[in-house]
Amino acid sequence: MPSLVGSEMCIRDRPNADFWVAIEAGIDDDSTFSWVVIESASQRGEARSATLPLPDVILEQVRAGEALGPVMSQYTGIDQIGRKEGAIGVFTGGRLTRSSVYHQAVVLALSPFHNAIYR
C-alpha cells in the first residue's frame, strides 16, 4: 500500500494544483518497485510498478542499512545510477529502465481519471 506522505506533501506545497503526483521507490522482501499516487480534489489513482528481484549480494548491503542507489553505483561504477537507468536498467540489460517502469505505473494510476466506471 502506498504511503500517503508523498501525496500529502504535494498537496501542502501546491494546494491549488489540478493534480498531485507522488512517486516513491522501495524494497519489499527481495525486490525493488515503486508506488505512484495521483490525486485531484475529487479522485485518486494508485499503481505499483513492475517488481525487480534483487541479487543477494545487493540485498545484503541494503539490509545492512545502505541505500540501493549507492550500492548499485558501487557495483556498476555508474555515478548516481538512481538518477539514470537504475537497478532495473542494469539487470535487464537496458531493455527496461527505472524511467520506463515508472512511466507504466503513472499511466496505470491515471486510469481512474479517464474511465467513468471508476467514479
C-alpha atoms as a PDB file:
ATOM      1  CA  MET A   1       0.000   0.000   0.000  1.00  0.00           C
ATOM      2  CA  PRO A   2       1.449   3.389  -0.928  1.00  0.00           C
ATOM      3  CA  SER A   3       2.419   5.871   1.698  1.00  0.00           C
ATOM      4  CA  LEU A   4       0.236   8.935   1.862  1.00  0.00           C
ATOM      5  CA  VAL A   5       3.179  11.115   2.852  1.00  0.00           C
ATOM      6  CA  GLY A   6       4.334  11.896  -0.706  1.00  0.00           C
ATOM      7  CA  SER A   7       0.926  12.962  -1.950  1.00  0.00           C
ATOM      8  CA  GLU A   8       0.210  14.898   1.254  1.00  0.00           C
ATOM      9  CA  MET A   9       3.468  16.815   0.768  1.00  0.00           C
ATOM     10  CA  CYS A  10       2.492  17.634  -2.834  1.00  0.00           C
ATOM     11  CA  ILE A  11      -0.915  18.922  -1.738  1.00  0.00           C
ATOM     12  CA  ARG A  12       0.631  21.013   1.036  1.00  0.00           C
ATOM     13  CA  ASP A  13       3.258  22.526  -1.279  1.00  0.00           C
ATOM     14  CA  ARG A  14       0.891  23.253  -4.194  1.00  0.00           C
ATOM     15  CA  PRO A  15      -2.659  23.393  -2.806  1.00  0.00           C
ATOM     16  CA  ASN A  16      -4.147  24.918  -5.989  1.00  0.00           C
ATOM     17  CA  ALA A  17      -2.752  22.355  -8.440  1.00  0.00           C
ATOM     18  CA  ASP A  18      -5.112  20.372 -10.661  1.00  0.00           C
ATOM     19  CA  PHE A  19      -3.268  17.120  -9.893  1.00  0.00           C
ATOM     20  CA  TRP A  20      -0.722  15.949  -7.363  1.00  0.00           C
ATOM     21  CA  VAL A  21       1.721  13.162  -8.233  1.00  0.00           C
ATOM     22  CA  ALA A  22       3.894  11.234  -5.792  1.00  0.00           C
ATOM     23  CA  ILE A  23       6.352   8.504  -6.794  1.00  0.00           C
ATOM     24  CA  GLU A  24       8.141   6.519  -4.126  1.00  0.00           C
ATOM     25  CA  ALA A  25      10.579   3.689  -4.747  1.00  0.00           C
ATOM     26  CA  GLY A  26      11.068   0.957  -2.209  1.00  0.00           C
ATOM     27  CA  ILE A  27      12.157  -2.556  -1.436  1.00  0.00           C
ATOM     28  CA  ASP A  28       9.768  -5.269  -0.323  1.00  0.00           C
ATOM     29  CA  ASP A  29      11.285  -8.588   0.743  1.00  0.00           C
ATOM     30  CA  ASP A  30      13.856  -9.202  -2.002  1.00  0.00           C
ATOM     31  CA  SER A  31      12.554  -6.900  -4.746  1.00  0.00           C
ATOM     32  CA  THR A  32      12.525  -3.244  -5.708  1.00  0.00           C
ATOM     33  CA  PHE A  33       9.483  -1.417  -7.069  1.00  0.00           C
ATOM     34  CA  SER A  34       7.723   1.935  -6.825  1.00  0.00           C
ATOM     35  CA  TRP A  35       4.296   3.239  -5.928  1.00  0.00           C
ATOM     36  CA  VAL A  36       2.658   6.046  -7.871  1.00  0.00           C
ATOM     37  CA  VAL A  37      -0.183   8.068  -6.374  1.00  0.00           C
ATOM     38  CA  ILE A  38      -2.021  10.676  -8.430  1.00  0.00           C
ATOM     39  CA  GLU A  39      -4.721  12.781  -6.814  1.00  0.00           C
ATOM     40  CA  SER A  40      -7.104  15.541  -7.752  1.00  0.00           C
ATOM     41  CA  ALA A  41      -9.556  17.320  -5.482  1.00  0.00           C
ATOM     42  CA  SER A  42     -12.131  14.595  -6.179  1.00  0.00           C
ATOM     43  CA  GLN A  43     -10.262  11.483  -7.249  1.00  0.00           C
ATOM     44  CA  ARG A  44      -7.252   9.290  -6.538  1.00  0.00           C
ATOM     45  CA  GLY A  45      -5.358   6.739  -8.600  1.00  0.00           C
ATOM     46  CA  GLU A  46      -2.671   4.357  -7.345  1.00  0.00           C
ATOM     47  CA  ALA A  47      -0.423   1.876  -9.115  1.00  0.00           C
ATOM     48  CA  ARG A  48       2.628  -0.200  -8.380  1.00  0.00           C
ATOM     49  CA  SER A  49       5.425  -0.505 -10.910  1.00  0.00           C
ATOM     50  CA  ALA A  50       6.964  -3.689 -12.177  1.00  0.00           C
ATOM     51  CA  THR A  51       8.855  -5.561  -9.485  1.00  0.00           C
ATOM     52  CA  LEU A  52      12.524  -6.474  -9.896  1.00  0.00           C
ATOM     53  CA  PRO A  53      14.050  -9.211  -7.727  1.00  0.00           C
ATOM     54  CA  LEU A  54      17.456  -8.108  -6.458  1.00  0.00           C
ATOM     55  CA  PRO A  55      20.529 -10.349  -6.200  1.00  0.00           C
ATOM     56  CA  ASP A  56      21.591 -11.469  -2.714  1.00  0.00           C
ATOM     57  CA  VAL A  57      24.912  -9.609  -2.944  1.00  0.00           C
ATOM     58  CA  ILE A  58      22.980  -6.338  -3.375  1.00  0.00           C
ATOM     59  CA  LEU A  59      20.314  -7.193  -0.795  1.00  0.00           C
ATOM     60  CA  GLU A  60      22.905  -7.963   1.871  1.00  0.00           C
ATOM     61  CA  GLN A  61      24.206  -4.403   1.727  1.00  0.00           C
ATOM     62  CA  VAL A  62      20.724  -2.867   1.571  1.00  0.00           C
ATOM     63  CA  ARG A  63      19.581  -4.927   4.561  1.00  0.00           C
ATOM     64  CA  ALA A  64      22.684  -3.716   6.393  1.00  0.00           C
ATOM     65  CA  GLY A  65      21.316  -0.178   6.053  1.00  0.00           C
ATOM     66  CA  GLU A  66      22.781   1.109   2.803  1.00  0.00           C
ATOM     67  CA  ALA A  67      20.527   2.728   0.198  1.00  0.00           C
ATOM     68  CA  LEU A  68      20.036   0.859  -3.077  1.00  0.00           C
ATOM     69  CA  GLY A  69      21.330   3.676  -5.306  1.00  0.00           C
ATOM     70  CA  PRO A  70      24.790   3.927  -3.748  1.00  0.00           C
ATOM     71  CA  VAL A  71      25.081   0.127  -3.564  1.00  0.00           C
ATOM     72  CA  MET A  72      24.265  -0.113  -7.275  1.00  0.00           C
ATOM     73  CA  SER A  73      26.712   2.714  -8.061  1.00  0.00           C
ATOM     74  CA  GLN A  74      29.430   0.817  -6.212  1.00  0.00           C
ATOM     75  CA  TYR A  75      28.530  -2.429  -8.013  1.00  0.00           C
ATOM     76  CA  THR A  76      28.381  -0.886 -11.501  1.00  0.00           C
ATOM     77  CA  GLY A  77      30.767   2.054 -11.276  1.00  0.00           C
ATOM     78  CA  ILE A  78      27.952   4.312 -12.601  1.00  0.00           C
ATOM     79  CA  ASP A  79      27.773   7.511 -10.538  1.00  0.00           C
ATOM     80  CA  GLN A  80      24.255   8.499  -9.427  1.00  0.00           C
ATOM     81  CA  ILE A  81      22.742   5.393 -11.043  1.00  0.00           C
ATOM     82  CA  GLY A  82      19.483   6.023  -9.182  1.00  0.00           C
ATOM     83  CA  ARG A  83      19.015   9.133 -11.317  1.00  0.00           C
ATOM     84  CA  LYS A  84      19.791   7.219 -14.500  1.00  0.00           C
ATOM     85  CA  GLU A  85      18.810   3.706 -15.589  1.00  0.00           C
ATOM     86  CA  GLY A  86      18.691   2.367 -12.044  1.00  0.00           C
ATOM     87  CA  ALA A  87      18.995  -1.252 -10.963  1.00  0.00           C
ATOM     88  CA  ILE A  88      16.240  -2.108 -13.433  1.00  0.00           C
ATOM     89  CA  GLY A  89      18.319  -0.891 -16.368  1.00  0.00           C
ATOM     90  CA  VAL A  90      21.374  -2.780 -15.193  1.00  0.00           C
ATOM     91  CA  PHE A  91      19.685  -6.103 -14.513  1.00  0.00           C
ATOM     92  CA  THR A  92      17.511  -6.063 -17.651  1.00  0.00           C
ATOM     93  CA  GLY A  93      20.455  -5.150 -19.856  1.00  0.00           C
ATOM     94  CA  GLY A  94      18.811  -1.840 -20.766  1.00  0.00           C
ATOM     95  CA  ARG A  95      15.589  -3.437 -22.002  1.00  0.00           C
ATOM     96  CA  LEU A  96      13.763  -1.565 -19.244  1.00  0.00           C
ATOM     97  CA  THR A  97      14.847   1.432 -17.203  1.00  0.00           C
ATOM     98  CA  ARG A  98      13.774   2.996 -13.976  1.00  0.00           C
ATOM     99  CA  SER A  99      12.019   5.651 -16.033  1.00  0.00           C
ATOM    100  CA  SER A 100      10.208   3.185 -18.295  1.00  0.00           C
ATOM    101  CA  VAL A 101       8.651   1.249 -15.421  1.00  0.00           C
ATOM    102  CA  TYR A 102       7.695   4.489 -13.674  1.00  0.00           C
ATOM    103  CA  HIS A 103       6.020   5.567 -16.913  1.00  0.00           C
ATOM    104  CA  GLN A 104       3.848   2.455 -16.926  1.00  0.00           C
ATOM    105  CA  ALA A 105       2.859   2.962 -13.297  1.00  0.00           C
ATOM    106  CA  VAL A 106       1.919   6.606 -13.956  1.00  0.00           C
ATOM    107  CA  VAL A 107      -0.290   5.579 -16.899  1.00  0.00           C
ATOM    108  CA  LEU A 108      -1.969   2.937 -14.740  1.00  0.00           C
ATOM    109  CA  ALA A 109      -2.516   5.371 -11.861  1.00  0.00           C
ATOM    110  CA  LEU A 110      -4.206   7.777 -14.290  1.00  0.00           C
ATOM    111  CA  SER A 111      -6.777   5.150 -15.352  1.00  0.00           C
ATOM    112  CA  PRO A 112      -9.463   6.282 -12.875  1.00  0.00           C
ATOM    113  CA  PHE A 113      -9.258   9.828 -14.234  1.00  0.00           C
ATOM    114  CA  HIS A 114     -10.353   8.969 -17.757  1.00  0.00           C
ATOM    115  CA  ASN A 115     -12.655   5.983 -17.210  1.00  0.00           C
ATOM    116  CA  ALA A 116     -16.106   6.795 -15.875  1.00  0.00           C
ATOM    117  CA  ILE A 117     -16.541   3.324 -14.383  1.00  0.00           C
ATOM    118  CA  TYR A 118     -14.167   4.321 -11.555  1.00  0.00           C
ATOM    119  CA  ARG A 119     -16.442   7.158 -10.440  1.00  0.00           C
END
